[in-house]
PDB file of N, CA and C in Angstrom:
ATOM      1  N   UNK A   1      36.824  34.265  54.301  1.00  0.00           N
ATOM      2  CA  UNK A   1      36.264  32.701  54.547  1.00  0.00           C
ATOM      3  C   UNK A   1      36.394  31.959  53.530  1.00  0.00           C
ATOM      4  N   UNK A   2      37.597  31.458  53.884  1.00  0.00           N
ATOM      5  CA  UNK A   2      37.952  29.981  53.065  1.00  0.00           C
ATOM      6  C   UNK A   2      37.076  28.898  52.310  1.00  0.00           C
ATOM      7  N   UNK A   3      36.590  28.861  51.266  1.00  0.00           N
ATOM      8  CA  UNK A   3      35.698  27.408  51.081  1.00  0.00           C
ATOM      9  C   UNK A   3      37.190  26.639  50.111  1.00  0.00           C
ATOM     10  N   UNK A   4      36.478  25.273  50.516  1.00  0.00           N
ATOM     11  CA  UNK A   4      37.064  24.367  49.580  1.00  0.00           C
ATOM     12  C   UNK A   4      36.277  23.342  49.488  1.00  0.00           C
ATOM     13  N   UNK A   5      35.563  23.075  47.718  1.00  0.00           N
ATOM     14  CA  UNK A   5      34.504  21.774  47.689  1.00  0.00           C
ATOM     15  C   UNK A   5      34.927  20.845  46.234  1.00  0.00           C
ATOM     16  N   UNK A   6      34.908  19.788  46.689  1.00  0.00           N
ATOM     17  CA  UNK A   6      35.345  18.354  46.330  1.00  0.00           C
ATOM     18  C   UNK A   6      34.293  18.083  45.095  1.00  0.00           C
ATOM     19  N   UNK A   7      35.033  16.849  44.357  1.00  0.00           N
ATOM     20  CA  UNK A   7      33.727  16.976  43.412  1.00  0.00           C
ATOM     21  C   UNK A   7      34.891  15.764  42.993  1.00  0.00           C
ATOM     22  N   UNK A   8      34.189  14.623  41.725  1.00  0.00           N
ATOM     23  CA  UNK A   8      34.552  14.213  41.123  1.00  0.00           C
ATOM     24  C   UNK A   8      34.455  12.406  41.713  1.00  0.00           C
ATOM     25  N   UNK A   9      33.823  12.638  43.253  1.00  0.00           N
ATOM     26  CA  UNK A   9      33.931  11.237  43.442  1.00  0.00           C
ATOM     27  C   UNK A   9      32.265   9.983  43.239  1.00  0.00           C
ATOM     28  N   UNK A  10      32.514   8.945  43.015  1.00  0.00           N
ATOM     29  CA  UNK A  10      31.235   8.436  43.019  1.00  0.00           C
ATOM     30  C   UNK A  10      31.652   6.517  43.083  1.00  0.00           C
ATOM     31  N   UNK A  11      30.464   5.618  42.302  1.00  0.00           N
ATOM     32  CA  UNK A  11      30.871   3.921  42.180  1.00  0.00           C
ATOM     33  C   UNK A  11      31.670   3.575  41.092  1.00  0.00           C
ATOM     34  N   UNK A  12      32.592   3.148  41.497  1.00  0.00           N
ATOM     35  CA  UNK A  12      33.066   2.930  40.386  1.00  0.00           C
ATOM     36  C   UNK A  12      34.339   1.149  40.679  1.00  0.00           C
ATOM     37  N   UNK A  13      33.783   0.411  39.563  1.00  0.00           N
ATOM     38  CA  UNK A  13      34.448  -0.836  40.134  1.00  0.00           C
ATOM     39  C   UNK A  13      36.016  -1.209  40.606  1.00  0.00           C
ATOM     40  N   UNK A  14      36.932  -2.346  41.549  1.00  0.00           N
ATOM     41  CA  UNK A  14      37.900  -2.451  41.613  1.00  0.00           C
ATOM     42  C   UNK A  14      38.323  -2.513  40.028  1.00  0.00           C
ATOM     43  N   UNK A  15      39.498  -1.735  40.103  1.00  0.00           N
ATOM     44  CA  UNK A  15      40.614  -1.800  38.932  1.00  0.00           C
ATOM     45  C   UNK A  15      40.642  -0.266  38.416  1.00  0.00           C
ATOM     46  N   UNK A  16      39.083   0.196  38.464  1.00  0.00           N
ATOM     47  CA  UNK A  16      38.746   1.241  37.469  1.00  0.00           C
ATOM     48  C   UNK A  16      39.385   2.100  38.158  1.00  0.00           C
ATOM     49  N   UNK A  17      38.514   3.760  37.923  1.00  0.00           N
ATOM     50  CA  UNK A  17      39.399   5.134  38.122  1.00  0.00           C
ATOM     51  C   UNK A  17      38.801   6.107  38.351  1.00  0.00           C
ATOM     52  N   UNK A  18      39.144   7.293  38.968  1.00  0.00           N
ATOM     53  CA  UNK A  18      38.337   8.325  39.374  1.00  0.00           C
ATOM     54  C   UNK A  18      39.600   9.735  39.722  1.00  0.00           C
ATOM     55  N   UNK A  19      38.911  11.114  39.284  1.00  0.00           N
ATOM     56  CA  UNK A  19      39.817  12.194  39.443  1.00  0.00           C
ATOM     57  C   UNK A  19      39.141  12.927  40.608  1.00  0.00           C
ATOM     58  N   UNK A  20      39.559  13.215  41.297  1.00  0.00           N
ATOM     59  CA  UNK A  20      39.015  14.148  42.470  1.00  0.00           C
ATOM     60  C   UNK A  20      39.270  15.321  41.770  1.00  0.00           C
ATOM     61  N   UNK A  21      38.569  16.753  42.508  1.00  0.00           N
ATOM     62  CA  UNK A  21      38.660  17.763  42.287  1.00  0.00           C
ATOM     63  C   UNK A  21      38.576  18.531  43.587  1.00  0.00           C
ATOM     64  N   UNK A  22      39.197  19.518  44.347  1.00  0.00           N
ATOM     65  CA  UNK A  22      38.978  20.827  44.926  1.00  0.00           C
ATOM     66  C   UNK A  22      39.205  21.594  44.949  1.00  0.00           C
ATOM     67  N   UNK A  23      38.504  22.579  44.891  1.00  0.00           N
ATOM     68  CA  UNK A  23      38.438  24.346  44.326  1.00  0.00           C
ATOM     69  C   UNK A  23      38.272  25.025  45.662  1.00  0.00           C
ATOM     70  N   UNK A  24      39.483  26.109  45.810  1.00  0.00           N
ATOM     71  CA  UNK A  24      39.936  26.901  46.773  1.00  0.00           C
ATOM     72  C   UNK A  24      39.208  27.913  46.513  1.00  0.00           C
ATOM     73  N   UNK A  25      37.857  28.657  47.071  1.00  0.00           N
ATOM     74  CA  UNK A  25      37.704  30.310  47.345  1.00  0.00           C
ATOM     75  C   UNK A  25      38.093  30.927  48.372  1.00  0.00           C
ATOM     76  N   UNK A  26      38.552  32.009  48.236  1.00  0.00           N
ATOM     77  CA  UNK A  26      38.350  32.814  49.080  1.00  0.00           C
ATOM     78  C   UNK A  26      39.522  33.067  49.819  1.00  0.00           C
ATOM     79  N   UNK A  27      40.610  32.925  49.248  1.00  0.00           N
ATOM     80  CA  UNK A  27      42.158  33.076  49.351  1.00  0.00           C
ATOM     81  C   UNK A  27      43.174  32.848  48.735  1.00  0.00           C
ATOM     82  N   UNK A  28      44.100  32.576  48.416  1.00  0.00           N
ATOM     83  CA  UNK A  28      45.138  32.796  46.884  1.00  0.00           C
ATOM     84  C   UNK A  28      45.967  31.680  47.345  1.00  0.00           C
ATOM     85  N   UNK A  29      44.965  30.518  46.807  1.00  0.00           N
ATOM     86  CA  UNK A  29      45.791  29.091  47.316  1.00  0.00           C
ATOM     87  C   UNK A  29      47.336  28.608  46.691  1.00  0.00           C
ATOM     88  N   UNK A  30      47.770  29.837  46.285  1.00  0.00           N
ATOM     89  CA  UNK A  30      49.583  29.436  46.027  1.00  0.00           C
ATOM     90  C   UNK A  30      50.079  29.312  47.435  1.00  0.00           C
ATOM     91  N   UNK A  31      49.677  29.982  48.621  1.00  0.00           N
ATOM     92  CA  UNK A  31      50.374  30.630  49.733  1.00  0.00           C
ATOM     93  C   UNK A  31      49.809  28.843  50.568  1.00  0.00           C
ATOM     94  N   UNK A  32      49.189  28.451  50.092  1.00  0.00           N
ATOM     95  CA  UNK A  32      48.775  27.063  50.818  1.00  0.00           C
ATOM     96  C   UNK A  32      49.316  25.842  50.414  1.00  0.00           C
ATOM     97  N   UNK A  33      49.926  24.962  50.785  1.00  0.00           N
ATOM     98  CA  UNK A  33      49.798  23.558  50.776  1.00  0.00           C
ATOM     99  C   UNK A  33      48.442  22.685  50.394  1.00  0.00           C
ATOM    100  N   UNK A  34      48.273  21.744  49.863  1.00  0.00           N
ATOM    101  CA  UNK A  34      47.489  21.247  49.315  1.00  0.00           C
ATOM    102  C   UNK A  34      47.326  19.545  50.390  1.00  0.00           C
ATOM    103  N   UNK A  35      46.114  18.615  50.760  1.00  0.00           N
ATOM    104  CA  UNK A  35      46.336  17.753  51.092  1.00  0.00           C
ATOM    105  C   UNK A  35      45.084  16.651  51.040  1.00  0.00           C
ATOM    106  N   UNK A  36      45.223  15.357  50.518  1.00  0.00           N
ATOM    107  CA  UNK A  36      44.106  14.247  50.981  1.00  0.00           C
ATOM    108  C   UNK A  36      43.513  13.863  51.556  1.00  0.00           C
ATOM    109  N   UNK A  37      43.109  13.522  52.527  1.00  0.00           N
ATOM    110  CA  UNK A  37      42.898  12.821  53.134  1.00  0.00           C
ATOM    111  C   UNK A  37      41.186  11.823  53.310  1.00  0.00           C
ATOM    112  N   UNK A  38      40.941  10.598  53.683  1.00  0.00           N
ATOM    113  CA  UNK A  38      39.754   9.985  54.015  1.00  0.00           C
ATOM    114  C   UNK A  38      39.781   9.729  54.999  1.00  0.00           C
ATOM    115  N   UNK A  39      38.185   9.145  55.521  1.00  0.00           N
ATOM    116  CA  UNK A  39      37.677   8.253  56.246  1.00  0.00           C
ATOM    117  C   UNK A  39      36.776   7.508  55.453  1.00  0.00           C
ATOM    118  N   UNK A  40      36.860   6.420  56.424  1.00  0.00           N
ATOM    119  CA  UNK A  40      36.566   5.444  55.989  1.00  0.00           C
ATOM    120  C   UNK A  40      35.248   5.086  57.414  1.00  0.00           C
ATOM    121  N   UNK A  41      34.061   4.399  56.740  1.00  0.00           N
ATOM    122  CA  UNK A  41      33.022   4.147  58.476  1.00  0.00           C
ATOM    123  C   UNK A  41      34.381   3.196  59.048  1.00  0.00           C
ATOM    124  N   UNK A  42      33.813   3.837  60.634  1.00  0.00           N
ATOM    125  CA  UNK A  42      34.646   3.743  61.754  1.00  0.00           C
ATOM    126  C   UNK A  42      35.736   3.890  61.799  1.00  0.00           C
ATOM    127  N   UNK A  43      36.386   4.622  61.021  1.00  0.00           N
ATOM    128  CA  UNK A  43      37.700   4.522  60.979  1.00  0.00           C
ATOM    129  C   UNK A  43      38.315   6.107  61.417  1.00  0.00           C
ATOM    130  N   UNK A  44      39.126   6.371  61.569  1.00  0.00           N
ATOM    131  CA  UNK A  44      39.856   7.722  61.805  1.00  0.00           C
ATOM    132  C   UNK A  44      40.228   8.238  60.432  1.00  0.00           C
ATOM    133  N   UNK A  45      39.918   9.791  59.345  1.00  0.00           N
ATOM    134  CA  UNK A  45      41.140  10.259  58.800  1.00  0.00           C
ATOM    135  C   UNK A  45      42.370   9.881  58.952  1.00  0.00           C
ATOM    136  N   UNK A  46      42.224   9.368  57.560  1.00  0.00           N
ATOM    137  CA  UNK A  46      43.711   9.148  57.270  1.00  0.00           C
ATOM    138  C   UNK A  46      44.419  10.118  56.553  1.00  0.00           C
ATOM    139  N   UNK A  47      45.947   9.981  55.956  1.00  0.00           N
ATOM    140  CA  UNK A  47      47.043  10.726  55.159  1.00  0.00           C
ATOM    141  C   UNK A  47      46.713   9.598  54.084  1.00  0.00           C
ATOM    142  N   UNK A  48      46.071  10.480  52.879  1.00  0.00           N
ATOM    143  CA  UNK A  48      46.449   9.993  51.627  1.00  0.00           C
ATOM    144  C   UNK A  48      47.591  10.662  50.987  1.00  0.00           C
ATOM    145  N   UNK A  49      47.511  11.746  50.498  1.00  0.00           N
ATOM    146  CA  UNK A  49      48.701  12.352  49.600  1.00  0.00           C
ATOM    147  C   UNK A  49      48.951  14.352  50.195  1.00  0.00           C
ATOM    148  N   UNK A  50      49.758  14.342  49.594  1.00  0.00           N
ATOM    149  CA  UNK A  50      49.878  16.433  49.861  1.00  0.00           C
ATOM    150  C   UNK A  50      51.211  16.474  48.818  1.00  0.00           C
ATOM    151  N   UNK A  51      50.517  18.068  48.854  1.00  0.00           N
ATOM    152  CA  UNK A  51      51.566  18.363  47.644  1.00  0.00           C
ATOM    153  C   UNK A  51      51.872  20.209  48.198  1.00  0.00           C
ATOM    154  N   UNK A  52      53.069  20.271  48.165  1.00  0.00           N
ATOM    155  CA  UNK A  52      53.676  22.239  48.895  1.00  0.00           C
ATOM    156  C   UNK A  52      52.658  22.985  48.225  1.00  0.00           C
ATOM    157  N   UNK A  53      52.778  24.107  48.516  1.00  0.00           N
ATOM    158  CA  UNK A  53      52.979  25.308  47.424  1.00  0.00           C
ATOM    159  C   UNK A  53      52.884  25.424  46.068  1.00  0.00           C
ATOM    160  N   UNK A  54      53.760  24.907  45.901  1.00  0.00           N
ATOM    161  CA  UNK A  54      54.771  25.486  44.426  1.00  0.00           C
ATOM    162  C   UNK A  54      54.806  23.935  43.514  1.00  0.00           C
ATOM    163  N   UNK A  55      54.409  22.518  44.458  1.00  0.00           N
ATOM    164  CA  UNK A  55      54.101  21.664  44.020  1.00  0.00           C
ATOM    165  C   UNK A  55      55.360  21.259  43.429  1.00  0.00           C
ATOM    166  N   UNK A  56      56.355  21.416  43.754  1.00  0.00           N
ATOM    167  CA  UNK A  56      57.652  20.756  43.689  1.00  0.00           C
ATOM    168  C   UNK A  56      57.811  19.290  44.652  1.00  0.00           C
ATOM    169  N   UNK A  57      57.180  19.446  46.061  1.00  0.00           N
ATOM    170  CA  UNK A  57      57.324  18.237  46.515  1.00  0.00           C
ATOM    171  C   UNK A  57      55.844  17.733  46.959  1.00  0.00           C
ATOM    172  N   UNK A  58      56.043  15.997  46.772  1.00  0.00           N
ATOM    173  CA  UNK A  58      54.988  15.197  46.854  1.00  0.00           C
ATOM    174  C   UNK A  58      55.018  14.840  47.963  1.00  0.00           C
ATOM    175  N   UNK A  59      54.006  13.994  48.607  1.00  0.00           N
ATOM    176  CA  UNK A  59      54.251  12.909  49.799  1.00  0.00           C
ATOM    177  C   UNK A  59      53.179  11.631  49.590  1.00  0.00           C
ATOM    178  N   UNK A  60      52.876  11.227  49.581  1.00  0.00           N
ATOM    179  CA  UNK A  60      52.175  10.198  49.610  1.00  0.00           C
ATOM    180  C   UNK A  60      51.543   8.586  50.591  1.00  0.00           C
ATOM    181  N   UNK A  61      50.817   8.397  50.796  1.00  0.00           N
ATOM    182  CA  UNK A  61      50.791   7.005  52.021  1.00  0.00           C
ATOM    183  C   UNK A  61      50.956   6.112  51.170  1.00  0.00           C
ATOM    184  N   UNK A  62      51.495   5.088  52.151  1.00  0.00           N
ATOM    185  CA  UNK A  62      52.210   3.873  51.636  1.00  0.00           C
ATOM    186  C   UNK A  62      51.182   3.429  50.692  1.00  0.00           C
ATOM    187  N   UNK A  63      50.340   3.102  51.016  1.00  0.00           N
ATOM    188  CA  UNK A  63      48.503   2.397  50.265  1.00  0.00           C
ATOM    189  C   UNK A  63      48.723   2.531  48.936  1.00  0.00           C
ATOM    190  N   UNK A  64      48.435   3.873  49.061  1.00  0.00           N
ATOM    191  CA  UNK A  64      48.161   4.433  47.482  1.00  0.00           C
ATOM    192  C   UNK A  64      49.726   5.030  46.514  1.00  0.00           C
ATOM    193  N   UNK A  65      51.163   4.234  47.320  1.00  0.00           N
ATOM    194  CA  UNK A  65      51.834   4.962  45.967  1.00  0.00           C
ATOM    195  C   UNK A  65      51.696   4.039  44.759  1.00  0.00           C
ATOM    196  N   UNK A  66      52.346   4.854  44.413  1.00  0.00           N
ATOM    197  CA  UNK A  66      52.252   3.623  42.298  1.00  0.00           C
ATOM    198  C   UNK A  66      51.142   4.111  41.910  1.00  0.00           C
ATOM    199  N   UNK A  67      50.055   4.054  42.857  1.00  0.00           N
ATOM    200  CA  UNK A  67      47.893   4.430  42.021  1.00  0.00           C
ATOM    201  C   UNK A  67      47.816   5.533  42.715  1.00  0.00           C
ATOM    202  N   UNK A  68      48.085   6.520  43.088  1.00  0.00           N
ATOM    203  CA  UNK A  68      47.256   7.498  42.977  1.00  0.00           C
ATOM    204  C   UNK A  68      48.373   8.599  42.999  1.00  0.00           C
ATOM    205  N   UNK A  69      47.948  10.326  42.492  1.00  0.00           N
ATOM    206  CA  UNK A  69      48.900  11.078  41.749  1.00  0.00           C
ATOM    207  C   UNK A  69      47.634  12.714  42.150  1.00  0.00           C
ATOM    208  N   UNK A  70      49.193  12.963  43.147  1.00  0.00           N
ATOM    209  CA  UNK A  70      48.241  13.966  43.118  1.00  0.00           C
ATOM    210  C   UNK A  70      49.031  15.528  42.919  1.00  0.00           C
ATOM    211  N   UNK A  71      48.470  16.772  42.299  1.00  0.00           N
ATOM    212  CA  UNK A  71      48.506  16.889  41.809  1.00  0.00           C
ATOM    213  C   UNK A  71      47.798  18.927  41.881  1.00  0.00           C
ATOM    214  N   UNK A  72      48.392  20.260  41.648  1.00  0.00           N
ATOM    215  CA  UNK A  72      48.208  21.514  41.277  1.00  0.00           C
ATOM    216  C   UNK A  72      47.586  22.107  39.923  1.00  0.00           C
ATOM    217  N   UNK A  73      47.072  23.668  40.776  1.00  0.00           N
ATOM    218  CA  UNK A  73      47.269  24.438  40.152  1.00  0.00           C
ATOM    219  C   UNK A  73      46.612  25.374  40.083  1.00  0.00           C
ATOM    220  N   UNK A  74      47.484  26.251  40.263  1.00  0.00           N
ATOM    221  CA  UNK A  74      47.484  28.024  41.435  1.00  0.00           C
ATOM    222  C   UNK A  74      46.982  28.856  40.016  1.00  0.00           C
ATOM    223  N   UNK A  75      46.929  28.687  39.440  1.00  0.00           N
ATOM    224  CA  UNK A  75      45.925  29.596  38.119  1.00  0.00           C
ATOM    225  C   UNK A  75      44.452  29.720  38.559  1.00  0.00           C
ATOM    226  N   UNK A  76      43.952  27.605  38.347  1.00  0.00           N
ATOM    227  CA  UNK A  76      42.653  27.570  38.743  1.00  0.00           C
ATOM    228  C   UNK A  76      42.572  27.055  40.006  1.00  0.00           C
ATOM    229  N   UNK A  77      43.166  27.520  41.487  1.00  0.00           N
ATOM    230  CA  UNK A  77      43.120  27.166  42.642  1.00  0.00           C
ATOM    231  C   UNK A  77      42.724  26.401  43.059  1.00  0.00           C
ATOM    232  N   UNK A  78      43.319  24.990  42.366  1.00  0.00           N
ATOM    233  CA  UNK A  78      42.185  23.446  42.812  1.00  0.00           C
ATOM    234  C   UNK A  78      43.847  22.610  42.665  1.00  0.00           C
ATOM    235  N   UNK A  79      43.278  21.004  43.677  1.00  0.00           N
ATOM    236  CA  UNK A  79      44.030  20.453  43.675  1.00  0.00           C
ATOM    237  C   UNK A  79      43.273  19.377  43.048  1.00  0.00           C
ATOM    238  N   UNK A  80      43.634  18.111  42.810  1.00  0.00           N
ATOM    239  CA  UNK A  80      43.436  16.972  42.143  1.00  0.00           C
ATOM    240  C   UNK A  80      44.535  16.224  42.480  1.00  0.00           C
ATOM    241  N   UNK A  81      42.957  15.043  42.485  1.00  0.00           N
ATOM    242  CA  UNK A  81      43.873  13.294  43.232  1.00  0.00           C
ATOM    243  C   UNK A  81      43.733  12.153  41.971  1.00  0.00           C
ATOM    244  N   UNK A  82      44.392  11.809  41.064  1.00  0.00           N
ATOM    245  CA  UNK A  82      44.054  10.980  40.009  1.00  0.00           C
ATOM    246  C   UNK A  82      44.261   9.712  40.714  1.00  0.00           C
ATOM    247  N   UNK A  83      42.587   8.850  40.743  1.00  0.00           N
ATOM    248  CA  UNK A  83      43.637   7.525  41.501  1.00  0.00           C
ATOM    249  C   UNK A  83      43.361   6.184  40.596  1.00  0.00           C
ATOM    250  N   UNK A  84      43.951   5.437  40.527  1.00  0.00           N
ATOM    251  CA  UNK A  84      44.082   4.162  39.888  1.00  0.00           C
ATOM    252  C   UNK A  84      43.767   3.129  40.127  1.00  0.00           C
ATOM    253  N   UNK A  85      43.815   2.335  39.485  1.00  0.00           N
ATOM    254  CA  UNK A  85      43.987   0.566  40.125  1.00  0.00           C
ATOM    255  C   UNK A  85      43.489   1.050  41.237  1.00  0.00           C
ATOM    256  N   UNK A  86      41.823   1.393  41.444  1.00  0.00           N
ATOM    257  CA  UNK A  86      41.221   1.011  42.799  1.00  0.00           C
ATOM    258  C   UNK A  86      41.101  -0.293  43.643  1.00  0.00           C
ATOM    259  N   UNK A  87      40.882  -0.101  44.507  1.00  0.00           N
ATOM    260  CA  UNK A  87      40.812  -0.888  45.482  1.00  0.00           C
ATOM    261  C   UNK A  87      39.452  -0.898  46.306  1.00  0.00           C
ATOM    262  N   UNK A  88      39.230  -1.898  46.615  1.00  0.00           N
ATOM    263  CA  UNK A  88      37.351  -2.367  47.278  1.00  0.00           C
ATOM    264  C   UNK A  88      38.081  -1.213  48.671  1.00  0.00           C
ATOM    265  N   UNK A  89      39.476  -1.088  49.220  1.00  0.00           N
ATOM    266  CA  UNK A  89      39.300  -0.750  50.229  1.00  0.00           C
ATOM    267  C   UNK A  89      39.725   0.906  50.361  1.00  0.00           C
ATOM    268  N   UNK A  90      39.908   1.508  49.304  1.00  0.00           N
ATOM    269  CA  UNK A  90      39.613   2.527  48.570  1.00  0.00           C
ATOM    270  C   UNK A  90      38.777   3.379  49.427  1.00  0.00           C
ATOM    271  N   UNK A  91      37.162   2.478  49.796  1.00  0.00           N
ATOM    272  CA  UNK A  91      36.056   3.406  49.398  1.00  0.00           C
ATOM    273  C   UNK A  91      36.438   3.816  51.115  1.00  0.00           C
ATOM    274  N   UNK A  92      35.789   5.569  50.906  1.00  0.00           N
ATOM    275  CA  UNK A  92      35.717   6.251  51.895  1.00  0.00           C
ATOM    276  C   UNK A  92      35.380   7.308  51.943  1.00  0.00           C
ATOM    277  N   UNK A  93      34.891   8.321  52.505  1.00  0.00           N
ATOM    278  CA  UNK A  93      34.815   9.336  51.916  1.00  0.00           C
ATOM    279  C   UNK A  93      36.424  10.448  52.128  1.00  0.00           C
ATOM    280  N   UNK A  94      36.457  11.388  50.902  1.00  0.00           N
ATOM    281  CA  UNK A  94      37.603  11.774  50.618  1.00  0.00           C
ATOM    282  C   UNK A  94      37.309  12.803  50.763  1.00  0.00           C
ATOM    283  N   UNK A  95      38.491  13.841  51.417  1.00  0.00           N
ATOM    284  CA  UNK A  95      38.347  15.918  51.794  1.00  0.00           C
ATOM    285  C   UNK A  95      39.959  16.028  51.729  1.00  0.00           C
ATOM    286  N   UNK A  96      39.979  16.972  50.585  1.00  0.00           N
ATOM    287  CA  UNK A  96      40.855  17.925  50.559  1.00  0.00           C
ATOM    288  C   UNK A  96      40.863  19.235  51.826  1.00  0.00           C
ATOM    289  N   UNK A  97      41.737  19.698  51.788  1.00  0.00           N
ATOM    290  CA  UNK A  97      42.071  20.663  52.621  1.00  0.00           C
ATOM    291  C   UNK A  97      43.665  21.251  52.273  1.00  0.00           C
ATOM    292  N   UNK A  98      43.597  22.525  53.388  1.00  0.00           N
ATOM    293  CA  UNK A  98      44.497  23.530  52.704  1.00  0.00           C
ATOM    294  C   UNK A  98      45.804  23.513  54.290  1.00  0.00           C
ATOM    295  N   UNK A  99      46.902  23.752  54.218  1.00  0.00           N
ATOM    296  CA  UNK A  99      47.345  24.182  54.978  1.00  0.00           C
ATOM    297  C   UNK A  99      48.075  24.868  54.809  1.00  0.00           C
ATOM    298  N   UNK A 100      49.121  25.412  56.138  1.00  0.00           N
ATOM    299  CA  UNK A 100      50.201  26.492  55.971  1.00  0.00           C
ATOM    300  C   UNK A 100      51.492  25.898  56.680  1.00  0.00           C
ATOM    301  N   UNK A 101      51.584  24.371  56.568  1.00  0.00           N
ATOM    302  CA  UNK A 101      52.577  23.732  57.132  1.00  0.00           C
ATOM    303  C   UNK A 101      53.601  24.428  57.308  1.00  0.00           C
ATOM    304  N   UNK A 102      54.813  24.586  58.527  1.00  0.00           N
ATOM    305  CA  UNK A 102      56.039  25.184  58.655  1.00  0.00           C
ATOM    306  C   UNK A 102      57.010  24.365  57.822  1.00  0.00           C
ATOM    307  N   UNK A 103      56.862  22.521  58.403  1.00  0.00           N
ATOM    308  CA  UNK A 103      57.862  21.377  58.369  1.00  0.00           C
ATOM    309  C   UNK A 103      56.903  20.679  57.419  1.00  0.00           C
ATOM    310  N   UNK A 104      57.961  20.199  56.802  1.00  0.00           N
ATOM    311  CA  UNK A 104      57.420  19.480  55.813  1.00  0.00           C
ATOM    312  C   UNK A 104      56.857  17.537  56.337  1.00  0.00           C
ATOM    313  N   UNK A 105      57.502  17.556  57.309  1.00  0.00           N
ATOM    314  CA  UNK A 105      56.579  16.561  58.151  1.00  0.00           C
ATOM    315  C   UNK A 105      55.915  16.203  58.723  1.00  0.00           C
ATOM    316  N   UNK A 106      54.992  17.767  58.417  1.00  0.00           N
ATOM    317  CA  UNK A 106      53.023  17.848  59.427  1.00  0.00           C
ATOM    318  C   UNK A 106      52.728  18.058  58.073  1.00  0.00           C
ATOM    319  N   UNK A 107      52.944  17.545  57.101  1.00  0.00           N
ATOM    320  CA  UNK A 107      52.378  17.220  55.515  1.00  0.00           C
ATOM    321  C   UNK A 107      51.893  15.668  55.635  1.00  0.00           C
ATOM    322  N   UNK A 108      51.452  14.908  56.330  1.00  0.00           N
ATOM    323  CA  UNK A 108      50.752  13.998  56.750  1.00  0.00           C
ATOM    324  C   UNK A 108      50.035  14.116  58.226  1.00  0.00           C
ATOM    325  N   UNK A 109      49.980  15.435  59.035  1.00  0.00           N
ATOM    326  CA  UNK A 109      49.389  15.380  60.247  1.00  0.00           C
ATOM    327  C   UNK A 109      47.212  16.078  59.559  1.00  0.00           C
ATOM    328  N   UNK A 110      47.011  15.404  59.929  1.00  0.00           N
ATOM    329  CA  UNK A 110      45.505  16.434  59.822  1.00  0.00           C
ATOM    330  C   UNK A 110      45.631  17.430  60.831  1.00  0.00           C
ATOM    331  N   UNK A 111      45.805  17.549  61.859  1.00  0.00           N
ATOM    332  CA  UNK A 111      45.838  18.856  63.267  1.00  0.00           C
ATOM    333  C   UNK A 111      46.783  19.611  62.113  1.00  0.00           C
ATOM    334  N   UNK A 112      47.930  19.577  60.689  1.00  0.00           N
ATOM    335  CA  UNK A 112      48.731  21.039  60.190  1.00  0.00           C
ATOM    336  C   UNK A 112      47.705  21.272  59.223  1.00  0.00           C
ATOM    337  N   UNK A 113      46.320  21.348  58.731  1.00  0.00           N
ATOM    338  CA  UNK A 113      45.659  21.323  57.849  1.00  0.00           C
ATOM    339  C   UNK A 113      44.420  22.716  58.524  1.00  0.00           C
ATOM    340  N   UNK A 114      44.577  23.705  58.284  1.00  0.00           N
ATOM    341  CA  UNK A 114      43.528  24.549  58.513  1.00  0.00           C
ATOM    342  C   UNK A 114      41.796  24.489  57.654  1.00  0.00           C
ATOM    343  N   UNK A 115      41.900  24.285  56.785  1.00  0.00           N
ATOM    344  CA  UNK A 115      40.871  24.520  55.923  1.00  0.00           C
ATOM    345  C   UNK A 115      40.160  23.028  55.559  1.00  0.00           C
ATOM    346  N   UNK A 116      38.996  22.705  55.526  1.00  0.00           N
ATOM    347  CA  UNK A 116      38.610  21.587  54.834  1.00  0.00           C
ATOM    348  C   UNK A 116      37.485  21.568  54.415  1.00  0.00           C
ATOM    349  N   UNK A 117      37.280  21.107  53.363  1.00  0.00           N
ATOM    350  CA  UNK A 117      36.487  20.912  51.928  1.00  0.00           C
ATOM    351  C   UNK A 117      35.869  19.857  53.162  1.00  0.00           C
ATOM    352  N   UNK A 118      34.174  19.516  52.013  1.00  0.00           N
ATOM    353  CA  UNK A 118      33.118  18.945  53.008  1.00  0.00           C
ATOM    354  C   UNK A 118      32.751  17.276  52.390  1.00  0.00           C
ATOM    355  N   UNK A 119      33.286  17.212  51.840  1.00  0.00           N
ATOM    356  CA  UNK A 119      34.451  15.650  51.277  1.00  0.00           C
ATOM    357  C   UNK A 119      33.355  14.697  49.851  1.00  0.00           C
ATOM    358  N   UNK A 120      33.665  14.107  49.308  1.00  0.00           N
ATOM    359  CA  UNK A 120      32.650  13.682  48.074  1.00  0.00           C
ATOM    360  C   UNK A 120      33.139  11.930  48.621  1.00  0.00           C
ATOM    361  N   UNK A 121      32.105  11.118  48.133  1.00  0.00           N
ATOM    362  CA  UNK A 121      31.795   9.690  48.690  1.00  0.00           C
ATOM    363  C   UNK A 121      33.065   8.834  47.384  1.00  0.00           C
ATOM    364  N   UNK A 122      33.498   8.016  47.229  1.00  0.00           N
ATOM    365  CA  UNK A 122      34.188   7.190  46.881  1.00  0.00           C
ATOM    366  C   UNK A 122      34.203   5.937  47.197  1.00  0.00           C
ATOM    367  N   UNK A 123      33.277   4.680  46.251  1.00  0.00           N
ATOM    368  CA  UNK A 123      32.868   3.955  46.669  1.00  0.00           C
ATOM    369  C   UNK A 123      33.397   2.805  45.833  1.00  0.00           C
ATOM    370  N   UNK A 124      34.242   1.765  45.825  1.00  0.00           N
ATOM    371  CA  UNK A 124      34.661   1.084  45.046  1.00  0.00           C
ATOM    372  C   UNK A 124      34.231  -0.146  45.274  1.00  0.00           C
ATOM    373  N   UNK A 125      33.577  -0.667  43.975  1.00  0.00           N
ATOM    374  CA  UNK A 125      32.837  -2.382  44.051  1.00  0.00           C
ATOM    375  C   UNK A 125      34.186  -3.592  43.809  1.00  0.00           C
ATOM    376  N   UNK A 126      33.528  -4.704  44.287  1.00  0.00           N
ATOM    377  CA  UNK A 126      34.733  -6.021  44.189  1.00  0.00           C
ATOM    378  C   UNK A 126      33.843  -6.403  43.254  1.00  0.00           C
TER     379      UNK A 126
END
C-alpha cells in the first residue's frame, strides 16, 4: 500500500514563502514520477508542477513558473514544493501525487497519477 503524506502548509502573507514536503512510503519512490496539484474551493483540481523519476525533467503550470520549484530526494523518498512570492490566488489545498506515466505529456494529467496524499491547506492573505 502506497501512502503519501504532505506537510508544510499554513497561513502566509502575500509575497511570502512556504515549503511543502511529501513523504512516500510503501514503495520505492524512485520508480515513480512525482507531482503537485491544488484545488481551490469550487474549482477543479489543477496541475501545479511535476518531476520525473530521476529529476532531470520538470514541468510547471504557467501560473507558478518562476515562483515555485519542485524537487525530489529519492533517498528520503520525498518530493518538495518550494513556493515563493505567494499570491492570494495560490490559496488552495495542495496535493502530492505519484505516477508511472509513460509519456511526459501526461505529467499534467490528474488521471495519470495513481497515488495521492490527503492534502495540505495553503492560505495566502492579501
